[in-house]
């Protein structure tokens, strides 16, 4: 098969593919106490890493009840509050609120949620979580399989202790 010759001006350098937007940031949280400051941190992170899409993934009450004991506001109220917060922010970054758990209306395991997000959005994948959620994720059996596919971005340093599995894979996560 013959190649087509192309002409380029002298000194032409092709654009660096690393400078284009790529990957997705999954914000995996309950959004129960999500504030404007947290949102600014997410925007800064997505902009600094040049990510193509930011996906907000609010957890359903049933999922939260199985992960953490306690009472939570209904899913639709947390989603509405998050939507209002995002509308007020007025950013030019590409974002979406993923309503997968709202459709299921029941407990969704982390594996199912991450598989759904992996199939729907382009990689590389970054997951923005709180320190407590990161410890919970590290305690699951499937953590080792998922930590190889994605990077954890852990918010704050207010965690009491770090899960041993999280320490084992400390090259795959960082504090934000």
C-alpha atoms as a PDB file:
ATOM      1  CA  UNK A   1       0.000   0.000   0.000  1.00  0.00           C
ATOM      2  CA  UNK A   2       1.484   3.354  -1.041  1.00  0.00           C
ATOM      3  CA  UNK A   3       1.851   6.192   1.418  1.00  0.00           C
ATOM      4  CA  UNK A   4       0.537   9.640   0.688  1.00  0.00           C
ATOM      5  CA  UNK A   5       3.190  12.315   0.843  1.00  0.00           C
ATOM      6  CA  UNK A   6       2.235  15.396   2.769  1.00  0.00           C
ATOM      7  CA  UNK A   7       3.919  18.782   2.765  1.00  0.00           C
ATOM      8  CA  UNK A   8       4.453  20.821   5.871  1.00  0.00           C
ATOM      9  CA  UNK A   9       6.119  24.196   6.290  1.00  0.00           C
ATOM     10  CA  UNK A  10       9.729  24.305   7.435  1.00  0.00           C
ATOM     11  CA  UNK A  11       9.984  24.118  11.236  1.00  0.00           C
ATOM     12  CA  UNK A  12       6.547  22.519  11.676  1.00  0.00           C
ATOM     13  CA  UNK A  13       6.174  20.433  14.800  1.00  0.00           C
ATOM     14  CA  UNK A  14       3.063  18.358  15.338  1.00  0.00           C
ATOM     15  CA  UNK A  15       0.973  19.333  18.360  1.00  0.00           C
ATOM     16  CA  UNK A  16       1.833  17.568  21.583  1.00  0.00           C
ATOM     17  CA  UNK A  17      -0.942  15.027  22.335  1.00  0.00           C
ATOM     18  CA  UNK A  18      -0.289  15.442  26.057  1.00  0.00           C
ATOM     19  CA  UNK A  19      -1.553  19.045  25.934  1.00  0.00           C
ATOM     20  CA  UNK A  20      -5.054  18.129  24.802  1.00  0.00           C
ATOM     21  CA  UNK A  21      -7.801  17.340  27.259  1.00  0.00           C
ATOM     22  CA  UNK A  22      -8.074  13.681  28.121  1.00  0.00           C
ATOM     23  CA  UNK A  23      -9.435  11.500  30.853  1.00  0.00           C
ATOM     24  CA  UNK A  24     -12.232  11.915  33.340  1.00  0.00           C
ATOM     25  CA  UNK A  25     -12.521  12.850  36.987  1.00  0.00           C
ATOM     26  CA  UNK A  26     -15.179  10.948  38.926  1.00  0.00           C
ATOM     27  CA  UNK A  27     -16.347  12.723  42.077  1.00  0.00           C
ATOM     28  CA  UNK A  28     -17.664   9.770  44.104  1.00  0.00           C
ATOM     29  CA  UNK A  29     -19.412  11.208  47.148  1.00  0.00           C
ATOM     30  CA  UNK A  30     -22.687  11.550  49.003  1.00  0.00           C
ATOM     31  CA  UNK A  31     -22.680  15.364  48.438  1.00  0.00           C
ATOM     32  CA  UNK A  32     -24.359  15.664  51.816  1.00  0.00           C
ATOM     33  CA  UNK A  33     -22.001  18.400  53.027  1.00  0.00           C
ATOM     34  CA  UNK A  34     -20.511  19.476  49.693  1.00  0.00           C
ATOM     35  CA  UNK A  35     -19.674  23.199  49.688  1.00  0.00           C
ATOM     36  CA  UNK A  36     -18.553  25.839  47.211  1.00  0.00           C
ATOM     37  CA  UNK A  37     -14.995  25.430  48.521  1.00  0.00           C
ATOM     38  CA  UNK A  38     -15.089  21.703  47.692  1.00  0.00           C
ATOM     39  CA  UNK A  39     -16.423  22.521  44.238  1.00  0.00           C
ATOM     40  CA  UNK A  40     -13.632  25.052  43.656  1.00  0.00           C
ATOM     41  CA  UNK A  41     -11.115  22.375  44.626  1.00  0.00           C
ATOM     42  CA  UNK A  42     -12.638  19.968  42.084  1.00  0.00           C
ATOM     43  CA  UNK A  43     -12.591  22.618  39.330  1.00  0.00           C
ATOM     44  CA  UNK A  44      -8.986  23.528  40.090  1.00  0.00           C
ATOM     45  CA  UNK A  45      -7.989  19.864  40.014  1.00  0.00           C
ATOM     46  CA  UNK A  46      -9.774  19.192  36.700  1.00  0.00           C
ATOM     47  CA  UNK A  47      -8.245  22.297  35.148  1.00  0.00           C
ATOM     48  CA  UNK A  48      -4.722  21.612  36.411  1.00  0.00           C
ATOM     49  CA  UNK A  49      -4.747  18.004  35.132  1.00  0.00           C
ATOM     50  CA  UNK A  50      -6.390  19.083  31.864  1.00  0.00           C
ATOM     51  CA  UNK A  51      -9.232  16.552  32.176  1.00  0.00           C
ATOM     52  CA  UNK A  52     -11.882  16.325  29.471  1.00  0.00           C
ATOM     53  CA  UNK A  53     -14.891  15.515  31.681  1.00  0.00           C
ATOM     54  CA  UNK A  54     -15.822  15.867  35.352  1.00  0.00           C
ATOM     55  CA  UNK A  55     -18.458  13.365  36.483  1.00  0.00           C
ATOM     56  CA  UNK A  56     -20.330  13.976  39.732  1.00  0.00           C
ATOM     57  CA  UNK A  57     -21.636  10.660  41.045  1.00  0.00           C
ATOM     58  CA  UNK A  58     -24.043  11.157  43.991  1.00  0.00           C
ATOM     59  CA  UNK A  59     -24.619   8.002  45.999  1.00  0.00           C
ATOM     60  CA  UNK A  60     -28.135   6.749  46.750  1.00  0.00           C
ATOM     61  CA  UNK A  61     -29.310   6.573  50.378  1.00  0.00           C
ATOM     62  CA  UNK A  62     -29.358   2.765  50.279  1.00  0.00           C
ATOM     63  CA  UNK A  63     -25.737   2.685  49.136  1.00  0.00           C
ATOM     64  CA  UNK A  64     -24.776   5.145  51.872  1.00  0.00           C
ATOM     65  CA  UNK A  65     -26.627   3.139  54.528  1.00  0.00           C
ATOM     66  CA  UNK A  66     -24.645   0.027  53.596  1.00  0.00           C
ATOM     67  CA  UNK A  67     -21.327   1.876  53.430  1.00  0.00           C
ATOM     68  CA  UNK A  68     -21.766   4.128  56.470  1.00  0.00           C
ATOM     69  CA  UNK A  69     -24.323   3.890  59.234  1.00  0.00           C
ATOM     70  CA  UNK A  70     -26.492   6.969  59.623  1.00  0.00           C
ATOM     71  CA  UNK A  71     -29.382   8.938  58.195  1.00  0.00           C
ATOM     72  CA  UNK A  72     -29.055  10.829  54.925  1.00  0.00           C
ATOM     73  CA  UNK A  73     -31.229  13.253  53.013  1.00  0.00           C
ATOM     74  CA  UNK A  74     -33.039  11.820  49.979  1.00  0.00           C
ATOM     75  CA  UNK A  75     -31.050  11.373  46.788  1.00  0.00           C
ATOM     76  CA  UNK A  76     -33.116  13.798  44.721  1.00  0.00           C
ATOM     77  CA  UNK A  77     -32.607  16.616  47.260  1.00  0.00           C
ATOM     78  CA  UNK A  78     -28.837  16.143  47.269  1.00  0.00           C
ATOM     79  CA  UNK A  79     -28.820  16.069  43.448  1.00  0.00           C
ATOM     80  CA  UNK A  80     -30.923  19.246  43.297  1.00  0.00           C
ATOM     81  CA  UNK A  81     -28.603  20.993  45.757  1.00  0.00           C
ATOM     82  CA  UNK A  82     -25.579  19.888  43.727  1.00  0.00           C
ATOM     83  CA  UNK A  83     -27.202  21.109  40.499  1.00  0.00           C
ATOM     84  CA  UNK A  84     -27.886  24.501  42.095  1.00  0.00           C
ATOM     85  CA  UNK A  85     -24.293  24.697  43.293  1.00  0.00           C
ATOM     86  CA  UNK A  86     -22.988  23.840  39.814  1.00  0.00           C
ATOM     87  CA  UNK A  87     -25.293  26.361  38.132  1.00  0.00           C
ATOM     88  CA  UNK A  88     -24.123  29.084  40.515  1.00  0.00           C
ATOM     89  CA  UNK A  89     -20.473  28.239  39.817  1.00  0.00           C
ATOM     90  CA  UNK A  90     -20.780  29.004  36.106  1.00  0.00           C
ATOM     91  CA  UNK A  91     -17.688  27.186  34.879  1.00  0.00           C
ATOM     92  CA  UNK A  92     -16.594  26.522  31.323  1.00  0.00           C
ATOM     93  CA  UNK A  93     -15.304  23.024  32.180  1.00  0.00           C
ATOM     94  CA  UNK A  94     -17.273  20.048  30.874  1.00  0.00           C
ATOM     95  CA  UNK A  95     -19.206  18.304  33.660  1.00  0.00           C
ATOM     96  CA  UNK A  96     -22.142  15.992  34.130  1.00  0.00           C
ATOM     97  CA  UNK A  97     -24.168  14.729  37.098  1.00  0.00           C
ATOM     98  CA  UNK A  98     -24.460  10.976  36.677  1.00  0.00           C
ATOM     99  CA  UNK A  99     -27.948   9.821  37.723  1.00  0.00           C
ATOM    100  CA  UNK A 100     -27.293   6.081  37.489  1.00  0.00           C
ATOM    101  CA  UNK A 101     -28.133   5.397  41.136  1.00  0.00           C
ATOM    102  CA  UNK A 102     -31.330   7.417  40.864  1.00  0.00           C
ATOM    103  CA  UNK A 103     -32.500   5.032  38.132  1.00  0.00           C
ATOM    104  CA  UNK A 104     -31.603   1.959  40.187  1.00  0.00           C
ATOM    105  CA  UNK A 105     -33.169   3.254  43.441  1.00  0.00           C
ATOM    106  CA  UNK A 106     -31.313   0.679  45.497  1.00  0.00           C
ATOM    107  CA  UNK A 107     -27.882  -0.296  46.781  1.00  0.00           C
ATOM    108  CA  UNK A 108     -25.213  -0.089  44.094  1.00  0.00           C
ATOM    109  CA  UNK A 109     -21.892  -1.799  44.832  1.00  0.00           C
ATOM    110  CA  UNK A 110     -18.704   0.124  44.066  1.00  0.00           C
ATOM    111  CA  UNK A 111     -17.797  -2.435  41.380  1.00  0.00           C
ATOM    112  CA  UNK A 112     -21.043  -1.839  39.522  1.00  0.00           C
ATOM    113  CA  UNK A 113     -20.706   1.939  39.740  1.00  0.00           C
ATOM    114  CA  UNK A 114     -17.083   1.958  38.586  1.00  0.00           C
ATOM    115  CA  UNK A 115     -17.787  -0.500  35.755  1.00  0.00           C
ATOM    116  CA  UNK A 116     -20.631   1.716  34.568  1.00  0.00           C
ATOM    117  CA  UNK A 117     -18.421   4.821  34.676  1.00  0.00           C
ATOM    118  CA  UNK A 118     -15.532   3.012  33.002  1.00  0.00           C
ATOM    119  CA  UNK A 119     -17.755   1.924  30.102  1.00  0.00           C
ATOM    120  CA  UNK A 120     -19.355   5.333  29.653  1.00  0.00           C
ATOM    121  CA  UNK A 121     -16.388   7.731  29.970  1.00  0.00           C
ATOM    122  CA  UNK A 122     -12.900   7.865  28.496  1.00  0.00           C
ATOM    123  CA  UNK A 123      -9.753   7.139  30.496  1.00  0.00           C
ATOM    124  CA  UNK A 124      -7.445   7.687  32.203  1.00  0.00           C
ATOM    125  CA  UNK A 125      -9.641   7.703  35.296  1.00  0.00           C
ATOM    126  CA  UNK A 126      -9.212   9.779  38.432  1.00  0.00           C
ATOM    127  CA  UNK A 127     -11.526   9.329  41.419  1.00  0.00           C
ATOM    128  CA  UNK A 128     -11.945  12.228  43.840  1.00  0.00           C
ATOM    129  CA  UNK A 129     -13.028  10.954  47.281  1.00  0.00           C
ATOM    130  CA  UNK A 130     -12.859  11.987  50.921  1.00  0.00           C
ATOM    131  CA  UNK A 131     -10.395  10.301  53.246  1.00  0.00           C
ATOM    132  CA  UNK A 132     -13.089   8.228  54.936  1.00  0.00           C
ATOM    133  CA  UNK A 133     -14.458   7.041  51.599  1.00  0.00           C
ATOM    134  CA  UNK A 134     -10.948   6.133  50.454  1.00  0.00           C
ATOM    135  CA  UNK A 135     -10.518   3.952  53.557  1.00  0.00           C
ATOM    136  CA  UNK A 136     -13.890   2.309  52.852  1.00  0.00           C
ATOM    137  CA  UNK A 137     -12.964   1.632  49.224  1.00  0.00           C
ATOM    138  CA  UNK A 138      -9.637   0.127  50.322  1.00  0.00           C
ATOM    139  CA  UNK A 139     -11.445  -2.264  52.648  1.00  0.00           C
ATOM    140  CA  UNK A 140     -13.378  -3.905  49.780  1.00  0.00           C
ATOM    141  CA  UNK A 141     -12.079  -7.078  48.113  1.00  0.00           C
ATOM    142  CA  UNK A 142     -12.177  -5.554  44.628  1.00  0.00           C
ATOM    143  CA  UNK A 143      -9.956  -2.616  45.627  1.00  0.00           C
ATOM    144  CA  UNK A 144      -6.768  -4.191  44.278  1.00  0.00           C
ATOM    145  CA  UNK A 145      -8.293  -4.719  40.838  1.00  0.00           C
ATOM    146  CA  UNK A 146      -9.647  -1.168  40.646  1.00  0.00           C
ATOM    147  CA  UNK A 147      -6.617   0.674  41.998  1.00  0.00           C
ATOM    148  CA  UNK A 148      -4.626  -0.629  39.015  1.00  0.00           C
ATOM    149  CA  UNK A 149      -7.111   0.991  36.598  1.00  0.00           C
ATOM    150  CA  UNK A 150      -7.544   4.366  38.268  1.00  0.00           C
ATOM    151  CA  UNK A 151      -5.885   6.929  40.521  1.00  0.00           C
ATOM    152  CA  UNK A 152      -7.408   8.106  43.777  1.00  0.00           C
ATOM    153  CA  UNK A 153      -7.330  11.793  44.630  1.00  0.00           C
ATOM    154  CA  UNK A 154      -8.081  12.032  48.333  1.00  0.00           C
ATOM    155  CA  UNK A 155      -9.526  15.243  49.704  1.00  0.00           C
ATOM    156  CA  UNK A 156      -8.066  16.662  52.925  1.00  0.00           C
ATOM    157  CA  UNK A 157      -5.941  15.048  55.598  1.00  0.00           C
ATOM    158  CA  UNK A 158      -8.546  14.690  58.350  1.00  0.00           C
ATOM    159  CA  UNK A 159      -8.471  10.901  58.262  1.00  0.00           C
ATOM    160  CA  UNK A 160      -7.859   9.216  61.607  1.00  0.00           C
ATOM    161  CA  UNK A 161      -5.877   6.298  60.181  1.00  0.00           C
ATOM    162  CA  UNK A 162      -4.991   5.050  56.744  1.00  0.00           C
ATOM    163  CA  UNK A 163      -6.106   1.606  55.599  1.00  0.00           C
ATOM    164  CA  UNK A 164      -3.140  -0.801  55.147  1.00  0.00           C
ATOM    165  CA  UNK A 165      -4.177  -1.637  51.565  1.00  0.00           C
ATOM    166  CA  UNK A 166      -4.165   2.059  50.791  1.00  0.00           C
ATOM    167  CA  UNK A 167      -0.612   2.266  52.096  1.00  0.00           C
ATOM    168  CA  UNK A 168       0.351  -0.731  49.993  1.00  0.00           C
ATOM    169  CA  UNK A 169      -0.700   1.139  46.829  1.00  0.00           C
ATOM    170  CA  UNK A 170       0.406   4.614  47.872  1.00  0.00           C
ATOM    171  CA  UNK A 171       1.946   5.239  44.442  1.00  0.00           C
ATOM    172  CA  UNK A 172      -1.623   5.137  42.983  1.00  0.00           C
ATOM    173  CA  UNK A 173      -3.164   7.887  45.128  1.00  0.00           C
ATOM    174  CA  UNK A 174      -2.338  11.337  46.436  1.00  0.00           C
ATOM    175  CA  UNK A 175      -3.655  13.945  48.848  1.00  0.00           C
ATOM    176  CA  UNK A 176      -5.377  16.936  47.275  1.00  0.00           C
END
